[in-house]
Amino acid sequence: MRPKVFASTFLGSQEFIERIWKRAKGETVQDTRNLPVIRILADKPSLGVIKQTVETEFESPPGRLCREMPLYISRQKEGFSLKEMGALGGMKEAAVSQAVGRFRRAIQETASLKEEVQKVLRKLNMSNVEL
């Protein structure tokens, strides 16, 4: 059953039209385009959920990985502010920024670390987010 039609013309690709019909029927549609506005509008996990997911994935004693990965994901992938992130971890904004930068460089140098981040992103249902 098609939803009521409000306008008779859609302009866009077949994929776009299908997404519109699914949304009109109340179905959940995951948009895989890598556009900043989509990330802003999409439901995103809270800082606490990101931190907890990383800690659960790496049950070893909290180390640099458990401290910096949630900060990196929260900043680079979800766009949380340095102030928000610092408040959660009891850190100053500059320290958060430095930790995110260190982790970003570490990902570029270590393929296995990039895989670990992808694992966490999948658990957070963020697997379509580019690193």
Protein backbone atom coordinates (compact mmCIF):
# COMPACT_ATOMS: atom_id res chain seq x y z
CA MET A 1 0.00 0.00 0.00
CA ARG A 2 1.46 3.34 -1.04
CA PRO A 3 1.19 6.33 1.33
CA LYS A 4 -0.94 9.29 0.40
CA VAL A 5 0.66 11.43 -2.25
CA PHE A 6 1.25 15.06 -1.30
CA ALA A 7 2.96 16.04 -4.53
CA SER A 8 2.98 14.09 -7.73
CA THR A 9 6.61 14.56 -8.75
CA PHE A 10 9.90 13.50 -7.18
CA LEU A 11 13.12 14.80 -8.66
CA GLY A 12 16.12 12.58 -7.99
CA SER A 13 17.67 9.19 -8.60
CA GLN A 14 15.76 5.93 -8.24
CA GLU A 15 17.60 5.32 -4.95
CA PHE A 16 16.48 8.71 -3.65
CA ILE A 17 12.84 8.06 -4.61
CA GLU A 18 12.92 4.65 -2.89
CA ARG A 19 14.31 6.25 0.30
CA ILE A 20 11.52 8.85 0.25
CA TRP A 21 8.82 6.15 -0.15
CA LYS A 22 10.32 4.09 2.70
CA ARG A 23 10.43 7.11 5.00
CA ALA A 24 6.85 8.01 4.09
CA LYS A 25 5.80 4.48 5.09
CA GLY A 26 7.59 4.85 8.41
CA GLU A 27 10.45 2.48 7.60
CA THR A 28 13.94 3.17 8.92
CA VAL A 29 16.31 4.20 6.19
CA GLN A 30 20.08 4.32 6.68
CA ASP A 31 21.70 6.98 4.56
CA THR A 32 25.24 5.93 3.64
CA ARG A 33 26.31 9.17 2.02
CA ASN A 34 29.24 10.78 3.81
CA LEU A 35 27.76 14.27 4.25
CA PRO A 36 28.30 16.29 7.45
CA VAL A 37 24.63 17.32 7.66
CA ILE A 38 23.56 13.66 7.67
CA ARG A 39 25.81 12.99 10.65
CA ILE A 40 24.29 15.96 12.48
CA LEU A 41 20.71 14.89 11.78
CA ALA A 42 21.22 11.17 12.44
CA ASP A 43 20.71 9.73 15.87
CA LYS A 44 24.10 9.45 17.44
CA PRO A 45 25.27 7.55 20.49
CA SER A 46 25.99 9.58 23.60
CA LEU A 47 29.50 10.16 24.87
CA GLY A 48 28.83 7.74 27.70
CA VAL A 49 27.68 4.99 25.32
CA ILE A 50 30.76 5.45 23.14
CA LYS A 51 33.05 5.28 26.18
CA GLN A 52 31.27 2.22 27.59
CA THR A 53 31.39 0.40 24.24
CA VAL A 54 35.15 0.92 23.96
CA GLU A 55 35.72 -0.20 27.56
CA THR A 56 33.60 -3.32 27.00
CA GLU A 57 35.44 -4.18 23.78
CA PHE A 58 38.85 -3.87 25.45
CA GLU A 59 38.34 -5.38 28.89
CA SER A 60 41.99 -5.00 29.81
CA PRO A 61 42.94 -2.38 32.39
CA PRO A 62 42.16 1.10 31.07
CA GLY A 63 45.10 2.38 29.09
CA ARG A 64 45.73 4.87 26.35
CA LEU A 65 43.54 2.93 23.91
CA CYS A 66 40.53 3.03 26.25
CA ARG A 67 41.05 6.72 26.99
CA GLU A 68 41.77 8.03 23.50
CA MET A 69 39.55 5.91 21.24
CA PRO A 70 36.25 7.19 22.70
CA LEU A 71 37.56 10.75 22.39
CA TYR A 72 38.56 10.18 18.76
CA ILE A 73 35.22 8.60 17.84
CA SER A 74 33.26 11.28 19.70
CA ARG A 75 35.14 14.15 18.06
CA GLN A 76 35.98 12.91 14.58
CA LYS A 77 32.96 10.77 13.87
CA GLU A 78 30.18 12.36 15.91
CA GLY A 79 31.24 16.00 16.16
CA PHE A 80 30.98 16.42 19.93
CA SER A 81 32.65 19.58 21.18
CA LEU A 82 35.94 19.52 23.05
CA LYS A 83 34.14 21.07 26.03
CA GLU A 84 31.51 18.30 26.14
CA MET A 85 34.15 15.61 25.88
CA GLY A 86 36.39 17.22 28.47
CA ALA A 87 33.52 17.45 30.95
CA LEU A 88 32.88 13.72 30.63
CA GLY A 89 36.51 12.76 31.14
CA GLY A 90 37.58 15.49 33.53
CA MET A 91 39.99 16.91 30.96
CA LYS A 92 40.70 20.38 29.63
CA GLU A 93 39.78 21.11 26.02
CA ALA A 94 43.43 21.32 24.94
CA ALA A 95 44.15 17.90 26.42
CA VAL A 96 41.17 16.40 24.58
CA SER A 97 42.38 17.95 21.32
CA GLN A 98 45.89 16.57 21.81
CA ALA A 99 44.57 13.08 22.64
CA VAL A 100 42.39 13.05 19.52
CA GLY A 101 45.37 14.14 17.40
CA ARG A 102 47.63 11.45 18.87
CA PHE A 103 45.01 8.79 18.23
CA ARG A 104 44.41 10.00 14.65
CA ARG A 105 48.15 9.71 13.93
CA ALA A 106 48.28 6.27 15.55
CA ILE A 107 45.44 5.04 13.30
CA GLN A 108 47.32 6.22 10.21
CA GLU A 109 50.43 4.33 11.31
CA THR A 110 48.80 1.10 12.56
CA ALA A 111 46.40 -0.91 10.40
CA SER A 112 45.33 -3.13 13.30
CA LEU A 113 44.26 -0.08 15.31
CA LYS A 114 42.09 1.07 12.40
CA GLU A 115 40.45 -2.39 12.45
CA GLU A 116 39.81 -2.07 16.20
CA VAL A 117 38.11 1.30 15.66
CA GLN A 118 35.97 -0.23 12.90
CA LYS A 119 34.91 -2.99 15.33
CA VAL A 120 33.74 -0.40 17.84
CA LEU A 121 31.98 1.60 15.11
CA ARG A 122 30.07 -1.54 14.06
CA LYS A 123 28.98 -2.13 17.65
CA LEU A 124 27.75 1.47 17.78
CA ASN A 125 25.92 0.99 14.44
CA MET A 126 28.24 3.54 12.87
CA SER A 127 30.06 1.18 10.53
CA ASN A 128 29.35 3.33 7.47
CA VAL A 129 31.36 6.22 8.90
CA GLU A 130 34.67 6.70 7.09
CA LEU A 131 37.97 6.79 8.97
